[in-house]
């Protein structure tokens, strides 16, 4: 079987900065990691490859330095990887990103399932996986906590919803988004690390995917950030000391106003 895992390189910091002109993340000079949720998607794909046979191909869309997360994925056990990179892809919103990733999946051909983490920790939209499914016109199962069964023709999985779980079945090919409850990601092995260093990772650009500049990147993004602003830091505050009873009484006075009534 042929599995694809989409991963993303994200900033390894809480100090996310925004380009005021373009409304996009500033990534230069910021340490990066593989999106943590994507490690669960990778593990799930490798688990089923080990059981059913086949290959796991990892793809990421990003600048040349995003190759680092692909080599990390290979060190964890992925078979091969592809970097989707072109200056024309810069500034893409989730729609343009999904359209580009869907083109890469189509270019790979004969893919049975595409795995995503539930969301990326930088944007937190959880839109890319479902949008790729829409672009491919494939069924999707999101927020999967457990894959019950996977065969060459279908998948049965438990997805988490606000009121509990749903058991959903879909035909392949399919797009899946995986929760951290699904598995425990394996750590890179020595053999995997050696393989990752030697791996030749092809780079697919605009022409390779048959796209135009109006279909991807900033030009192909219907989402426009009009203005961004950093919240002012909070100042002031009070520290009160005393027994539990005294602090409860003081808190009640503050909430109701000194000497006030509810």
Protein backbone atom coordinates (compact mmCIF):
# COMPACT_ATOMS: atom_id res chain seq x y z
CA UNK A 1 0.00 0.00 0.00
CA UNK A 2 1.05 3.57 -0.55
CA UNK A 3 0.77 5.96 2.37
CA UNK A 4 1.60 9.66 2.37
CA UNK A 5 2.21 11.69 5.52
CA UNK A 6 2.10 15.48 5.36
CA UNK A 7 4.30 17.16 7.96
CA UNK A 8 5.07 20.77 8.69
CA UNK A 9 8.09 22.63 10.04
CA UNK A 10 6.90 25.01 12.76
CA UNK A 11 8.60 27.58 15.03
CA UNK A 12 9.97 26.09 18.23
CA UNK A 13 9.06 29.11 20.29
CA UNK A 14 6.14 30.95 21.82
CA UNK A 15 7.56 34.23 20.51
CA UNK A 16 5.83 34.12 17.15
CA UNK A 17 6.33 37.31 15.14
CA UNK A 18 4.19 38.55 12.28
CA UNK A 19 5.34 40.40 9.18
CA UNK A 20 3.25 43.61 9.36
CA UNK A 21 3.33 44.08 5.59
CA UNK A 22 2.31 40.60 4.47
CA UNK A 23 0.50 39.35 7.58
CA UNK A 24 2.53 36.12 7.54
CA UNK A 25 4.78 34.45 10.12
CA UNK A 26 8.40 35.56 10.28
CA UNK A 27 10.42 32.34 10.28
CA UNK A 28 13.91 33.66 9.67
CA UNK A 29 16.15 33.31 12.71
CA UNK A 30 13.57 31.22 14.61
CA UNK A 31 14.47 27.63 15.60
CA UNK A 32 12.13 25.09 14.03
CA UNK A 33 10.83 21.58 14.76
CA UNK A 34 8.48 19.07 13.22
CA UNK A 35 4.91 19.90 14.18
CA UNK A 36 4.36 17.64 17.23
CA UNK A 37 0.93 16.45 16.10
CA UNK A 38 2.44 15.23 12.82
CA UNK A 39 4.57 12.67 14.66
CA UNK A 40 1.38 10.77 15.54
CA UNK A 41 0.26 10.81 11.91
CA UNK A 42 3.67 9.48 10.88
CA UNK A 43 3.58 6.71 13.47
CA UNK A 44 0.08 5.65 12.42
CA UNK A 45 1.09 5.40 8.77
CA UNK A 46 4.24 3.42 9.63
CA UNK A 47 2.29 1.11 11.94
CA UNK A 48 -0.09 0.12 9.15
CA UNK A 49 2.74 -0.14 6.62
CA UNK A 50 4.48 -2.58 8.94
CA UNK A 51 1.29 -4.63 9.19
CA UNK A 52 0.05 -4.49 5.59
CA UNK A 53 3.21 -3.80 3.62
CA UNK A 54 3.90 -0.86 1.35
CA UNK A 55 5.73 2.44 1.62
CA UNK A 56 5.41 5.64 3.63
CA UNK A 57 6.31 8.82 1.78
CA UNK A 58 6.57 12.03 3.78
CA UNK A 59 5.96 15.39 2.13
CA UNK A 60 6.27 18.93 3.40
CA UNK A 61 5.70 22.29 1.78
CA UNK A 62 8.14 24.96 2.84
CA UNK A 63 11.49 26.68 2.24
CA UNK A 64 14.69 24.68 1.60
CA UNK A 65 15.44 24.41 5.34
CA UNK A 66 12.20 22.42 5.79
CA UNK A 67 14.20 19.47 4.47
CA UNK A 68 15.32 18.97 8.08
CA UNK A 69 11.91 17.65 9.19
CA UNK A 70 11.85 15.25 6.23
CA UNK A 71 15.21 13.79 7.27
CA UNK A 72 13.88 13.49 10.82
CA UNK A 73 10.87 11.57 9.49
CA UNK A 74 13.16 9.20 7.58
CA UNK A 75 15.22 8.65 10.72
CA UNK A 76 11.98 7.66 12.49
CA UNK A 77 11.19 5.06 9.84
CA UNK A 78 9.65 6.71 6.77
CA UNK A 79 10.73 5.18 3.46
CA UNK A 80 11.28 8.35 1.46
CA UNK A 81 10.39 12.04 1.34
CA UNK A 82 9.63 14.91 -1.02
CA UNK A 83 10.14 18.62 -0.41
CA UNK A 84 7.51 20.83 -2.06
CA UNK A 85 9.34 24.12 -2.34
CA UNK A 86 9.21 27.15 -4.63
CA UNK A 87 9.31 30.88 -4.05
CA UNK A 88 5.86 30.98 -5.66
CA UNK A 89 4.49 28.97 -2.70
CA UNK A 90 5.48 31.62 -0.12
CA UNK A 91 2.72 33.31 1.84
CA UNK A 92 0.13 30.60 1.14
CA UNK A 93 -2.93 30.41 3.36
CA UNK A 94 -4.52 27.06 4.25
CA UNK A 95 -6.51 26.93 1.00
CA UNK A 96 -3.48 27.56 -1.24
CA UNK A 97 -1.36 25.18 0.85
CA UNK A 98 -3.98 22.45 0.59
CA UNK A 99 -4.31 22.95 -3.17
CA UNK A 100 -0.54 22.61 -3.56
CA UNK A 101 -0.27 19.52 -1.32
CA UNK A 102 -3.18 17.90 -3.19
CA UNK A 103 -1.29 18.47 -6.45
CA UNK A 104 1.74 16.72 -4.91
CA UNK A 105 -0.39 13.75 -3.83
CA UNK A 106 -1.84 13.54 -7.33
CA UNK A 107 1.66 13.67 -8.81
CA UNK A 108 2.72 10.74 -6.60
CA UNK A 109 -0.16 8.65 -7.95
CA UNK A 110 -1.91 5.52 -6.62
CA UNK A 111 -1.95 6.82 -3.03
CA UNK A 112 -4.18 4.86 -0.65
CA UNK A 113 -4.23 7.23 2.33
CA UNK A 114 -2.88 10.64 3.31
CA UNK A 115 -2.19 11.16 7.03
CA UNK A 116 -2.12 14.53 8.80
CA UNK A 117 -1.71 15.55 12.41
CA UNK A 118 -4.92 17.09 13.73
CA UNK A 119 -3.50 20.62 13.36
CA UNK A 120 -0.30 22.65 13.31
CA UNK A 121 0.78 24.44 16.47
CA UNK A 122 1.60 27.70 14.67
CA UNK A 123 -1.71 28.34 12.90
CA UNK A 124 -3.98 25.97 14.89
CA UNK A 125 -6.60 26.02 12.12
CA UNK A 126 -7.00 22.24 11.60
CA UNK A 127 -8.05 23.12 8.05
CA UNK A 128 -5.30 21.73 5.85
CA UNK A 129 -6.15 18.03 6.05
CA UNK A 130 -9.86 18.47 5.31
CA UNK A 131 -9.05 20.98 2.57
CA UNK A 132 -6.70 18.52 0.88
CA UNK A 133 -9.53 15.96 0.94
CA UNK A 134 -11.82 18.52 -0.69
CA UNK A 135 -9.24 19.33 -3.38
CA UNK A 136 -8.75 15.63 -4.13
CA UNK A 137 -12.49 14.90 -3.84
CA UNK A 138 -11.68 12.05 -1.42
CA UNK A 139 -13.54 10.99 1.73
CA UNK A 140 -12.04 12.15 5.01
CA UNK A 141 -12.08 11.07 8.64
CA UNK A 142 -10.86 13.72 11.09
CA UNK A 143 -9.81 13.71 14.75
CA UNK A 144 -9.07 9.98 14.80
CA UNK A 145 -8.32 8.54 18.21
CA UNK A 146 -8.06 4.95 17.01
CA UNK A 147 -7.92 3.19 13.65
CA UNK A 148 -9.86 -0.03 14.21
CA UNK A 149 -9.26 -1.65 10.86
CA UNK A 150 -7.49 -0.81 7.61
CA UNK A 151 -7.56 -2.91 4.46
CA UNK A 152 -6.78 -2.38 0.81
CA UNK A 153 -10.33 -1.14 0.23
CA UNK A 154 -11.62 0.53 3.38
CA UNK A 155 -10.89 1.94 6.82
CA UNK A 156 -12.85 1.90 10.08
CA UNK A 157 -11.85 4.45 12.70
CA UNK A 158 -13.02 6.07 15.91
CA UNK A 159 -13.14 9.86 15.76
CA UNK A 160 -13.54 12.07 18.80
CA UNK A 161 -16.40 14.55 18.95
CA UNK A 162 -17.64 16.82 21.74
CA UNK A 163 -20.22 14.30 22.94
CA UNK A 164 -18.06 11.19 22.74
CA UNK A 165 -16.80 9.08 19.82
CA UNK A 166 -18.09 8.16 16.39
CA UNK A 167 -17.21 5.00 14.51
CA UNK A 168 -16.79 5.90 10.84
CA UNK A 169 -16.07 3.75 7.82
CA UNK A 170 -14.76 5.07 4.50
CA UNK A 171 -13.51 3.69 1.24
CA UNK A 172 -9.94 4.25 0.10
CA UNK A 173 -8.30 6.47 -1.02
CA UNK A 174 -8.91 8.61 2.05
CA UNK A 175 -7.54 11.58 4.01
CA UNK A 176 -7.08 11.13 7.77
CA UNK A 177 -6.21 13.47 10.63
CA UNK A 178 -4.74 11.77 13.69
CA UNK A 179 -4.93 12.66 17.39
CA UNK A 180 -2.16 11.98 19.90
CA UNK A 181 -4.37 9.34 21.57
CA UNK A 182 -3.91 7.06 18.56
CA UNK A 183 -0.37 5.87 19.32
CA UNK A 184 3.05 6.54 20.82
CA UNK A 185 5.53 7.77 18.19
CA UNK A 186 8.73 5.78 17.88
CA UNK A 187 12.09 7.46 18.33
CA UNK A 188 14.73 7.66 15.59
CA UNK A 189 16.95 4.59 15.34
CA UNK A 190 20.66 4.56 14.58
CA UNK A 191 19.98 2.84 11.26
CA UNK A 192 17.28 5.41 10.53
CA UNK A 193 19.64 8.28 11.26
CA UNK A 194 22.24 6.85 8.92
CA UNK A 195 19.62 6.39 6.22
CA UNK A 196 18.35 9.95 6.66
CA UNK A 197 21.83 11.41 6.18
CA UNK A 198 22.27 9.58 2.88
CA UNK A 199 18.74 10.08 1.59
CA UNK A 200 18.30 12.04 -1.62
CA UNK A 201 15.22 14.22 -1.22
CA UNK A 202 13.73 15.51 -4.48
CA UNK A 203 12.36 19.05 -4.61
CA UNK A 204 9.11 19.66 -6.46
CA UNK A 205 8.34 23.18 -7.58
CA UNK A 206 5.57 24.99 -9.38
CA UNK A 207 6.27 23.46 -12.80
CA UNK A 208 6.59 19.92 -11.40
CA UNK A 209 3.07 20.13 -9.97
CA UNK A 210 1.50 21.72 -13.03
CA UNK A 211 0.36 24.78 -11.07
CA UNK A 212 0.34 28.47 -11.93
CA UNK A 213 1.34 31.33 -9.65
CA UNK A 214 -2.31 32.35 -9.38
CA UNK A 215 -3.21 28.98 -7.86
CA UNK A 216 -0.81 28.94 -4.95
CA UNK A 217 1.26 31.10 -2.61
CA UNK A 218 0.17 34.59 -1.68
CA UNK A 219 -1.40 35.18 -5.11
CA UNK A 220 -3.62 32.12 -4.78
CA UNK A 221 -4.69 32.78 -1.19
CA UNK A 222 -8.25 34.07 -0.78
CA UNK A 223 -7.52 34.85 2.90
CA UNK A 224 -6.09 38.33 3.32
CA UNK A 225 -4.68 39.62 6.61
CA UNK A 226 -5.67 43.29 6.69
CA UNK A 227 -3.92 44.25 9.90
CA UNK A 228 -2.20 42.59 12.84
CA UNK A 229 -1.57 43.94 16.33
CA UNK A 230 0.25 42.68 19.39
CA UNK A 231 -1.82 42.88 22.60
CA UNK A 232 -0.48 45.27 25.20
CA UNK A 233 1.15 43.45 28.13
CA UNK A 234 -0.92 43.38 31.29
CA UNK A 235 0.25 45.60 34.11
CA UNK A 236 -0.69 46.11 37.74
CA UNK A 237 -2.28 43.38 39.78
CA UNK A 238 -2.48 42.85 43.52
CA UNK A 239 -1.07 40.25 45.87
CA UNK A 240 -3.03 39.47 49.03
CA UNK A 241 -1.90 37.36 51.95
CA UNK A 242 -3.79 35.82 54.81
CA UNK A 243 -5.73 32.76 55.87
CA UNK A 244 -8.10 30.97 53.52
CA UNK A 245 -11.09 32.58 55.21
CA UNK A 246 -9.57 36.06 54.97
CA UNK A 247 -8.66 35.63 51.31
CA UNK A 248 -12.12 34.32 50.43
CA UNK A 249 -13.70 37.32 52.13
CA UNK A 250 -11.29 39.70 50.38
CA UNK A 251 -12.00 38.10 47.00
CA UNK A 252 -15.74 38.41 47.56
CA UNK A 253 -15.31 42.09 48.42
CA UNK A 254 -13.29 42.67 45.24
CA UNK A 255 -15.82 40.89 43.04
CA UNK A 256 -18.81 42.66 44.57
CA UNK A 257 -17.15 45.95 45.30
CA UNK A 258 -16.11 46.99 48.78
CA UNK A 259 -19.17 46.70 51.01
CA UNK A 260 -21.37 45.81 48.00
CA UNK A 261 -24.16 43.28 47.75
CA UNK A 262 -25.00 40.74 45.06
